[in-house]
């Protein structure tokens, strides 16, 4: 029984210590806020090159 209690207390203390480290870590990331949320349109016209389809020889 004392061994089970010791293992439980050690695990609980390690989990608590880990959560405290996670909460108070100094690796804070700065989030940039977008000012202009509209997409930038570079070209208003879409041009597609006209291609002729060549059919492969079937041999029959």
C-alpha atoms as a PDB file:
ATOM      1  CA  UNK A   1       0.000   0.000   0.000  1.00  0.00           C
ATOM      2  CA  UNK A   2       2.722   2.579   0.789  1.00  0.00           C
ATOM      3  CA  UNK A   3       4.425   1.836  -2.530  1.00  0.00           C
ATOM      4  CA  UNK A   4       1.203   2.506  -4.468  1.00  0.00           C
ATOM      5  CA  UNK A   5       0.681   5.753  -2.552  1.00  0.00           C
ATOM      6  CA  UNK A   6       4.266   6.833  -3.281  1.00  0.00           C
ATOM      7  CA  UNK A   7       3.901   6.127  -7.004  1.00  0.00           C
ATOM      8  CA  UNK A   8       0.586   7.991  -7.102  1.00  0.00           C
ATOM      9  CA  UNK A   9       2.043  11.037  -5.331  1.00  0.00           C
ATOM     10  CA  UNK A  10       5.100  11.111  -7.589  1.00  0.00           C
ATOM     11  CA  UNK A  11       2.979  10.891 -10.739  1.00  0.00           C
ATOM     12  CA  UNK A  12       0.575  13.552  -9.482  1.00  0.00           C
ATOM     13  CA  UNK A  13       3.421  15.904  -8.625  1.00  0.00           C
ATOM     14  CA  UNK A  14       5.076  15.375 -12.041  1.00  0.00           C
ATOM     15  CA  UNK A  15       1.824  16.046 -13.876  1.00  0.00           C
ATOM     16  CA  UNK A  16       1.209  19.167 -11.787  1.00  0.00           C
ATOM     17  CA  UNK A  17       4.748  20.396 -12.411  1.00  0.00           C
ATOM     18  CA  UNK A  18       4.345  19.777 -16.133  1.00  0.00           C
ATOM     19  CA  UNK A  19       1.077  21.715 -16.252  1.00  0.00           C
ATOM     20  CA  UNK A  20       2.639  24.615 -14.365  1.00  0.00           C
ATOM     21  CA  UNK A  21       5.541  24.703 -16.812  1.00  0.00           C
ATOM     22  CA  UNK A  22       3.105  24.652 -19.694  1.00  0.00           C
ATOM     23  CA  UNK A  23       1.044  27.477 -18.222  1.00  0.00           C
ATOM     24  CA  UNK A  24       3.944  29.785 -17.395  1.00  0.00           C
ATOM     25  CA  UNK A  25       6.251  29.075 -20.304  1.00  0.00           C
ATOM     26  CA  UNK A  26       7.817  32.142 -21.868  1.00  0.00           C
ATOM     27  CA  UNK A  27       7.520  30.967 -25.494  1.00  0.00           C
ATOM     28  CA  UNK A  28       4.683  33.309 -26.304  1.00  0.00           C
ATOM     29  CA  UNK A  29       3.797  33.767 -29.942  1.00  0.00           C
ATOM     30  CA  UNK A  30       2.630  37.115 -31.211  1.00  0.00           C
ATOM     31  CA  UNK A  31      -0.363  36.962 -33.501  1.00  0.00           C
ATOM     32  CA  UNK A  32      -0.441  39.464 -36.320  1.00  0.00           C
ATOM     33  CA  UNK A  33      -3.821  40.946 -37.050  1.00  0.00           C
ATOM     34  CA  UNK A  34      -4.756  41.412 -40.670  1.00  0.00           C
ATOM     35  CA  UNK A  35      -5.691  44.963 -41.518  1.00  0.00           C
ATOM     36  CA  UNK A  36      -6.899  44.339 -45.046  1.00  0.00           C
ATOM     37  CA  UNK A  37      -8.902  41.152 -45.258  1.00  0.00           C
ATOM     38  CA  UNK A  38      -9.813  41.521 -48.934  1.00  0.00           C
ATOM     39  CA  UNK A  39      -7.861  39.319 -51.335  1.00  0.00           C
ATOM     40  CA  UNK A  40      -5.402  41.044 -53.620  1.00  0.00           C
ATOM     41  CA  UNK A  41      -6.391  40.651 -57.267  1.00  0.00           C
ATOM     42  CA  UNK A  42      -3.372  40.872 -59.544  1.00  0.00           C
ATOM     43  CA  UNK A  43      -5.156  40.312 -62.875  1.00  0.00           C
ATOM     44  CA  UNK A  44      -8.811  40.863 -63.496  1.00  0.00           C
ATOM     45  CA  UNK A  45      -8.842  38.982 -66.821  1.00  0.00           C
ATOM     46  CA  UNK A  46      -8.086  35.327 -67.128  1.00  0.00           C
ATOM     47  CA  UNK A  47      -6.484  34.452 -70.446  1.00  0.00           C
ATOM     48  CA  UNK A  48      -6.359  30.890 -71.661  1.00  0.00           C
ATOM     49  CA  UNK A  49      -4.241  29.895 -74.638  1.00  0.00           C
ATOM     50  CA  UNK A  50      -6.183  28.112 -77.342  1.00  0.00           C
ATOM     51  CA  UNK A  51      -4.700  24.670 -77.917  1.00  0.00           C
ATOM     52  CA  UNK A  52      -5.634  22.220 -80.618  1.00  0.00           C
ATOM     53  CA  UNK A  53      -6.107  18.665 -79.501  1.00  0.00           C
ATOM     54  CA  UNK A  54      -4.010  16.064 -81.267  1.00  0.00           C
ATOM     55  CA  UNK A  55      -5.376  12.596 -81.186  1.00  0.00           C
ATOM     56  CA  UNK A  56      -2.992   9.710 -80.776  1.00  0.00           C
ATOM     57  CA  UNK A  57      -2.905   7.053 -83.514  1.00  0.00           C
ATOM     58  CA  UNK A  58      -4.823   3.984 -82.463  1.00  0.00           C
ATOM     59  CA  UNK A  59      -3.361   1.497 -84.935  1.00  0.00           C
ATOM     60  CA  UNK A  60      -6.693   0.030 -85.999  1.00  0.00           C
END
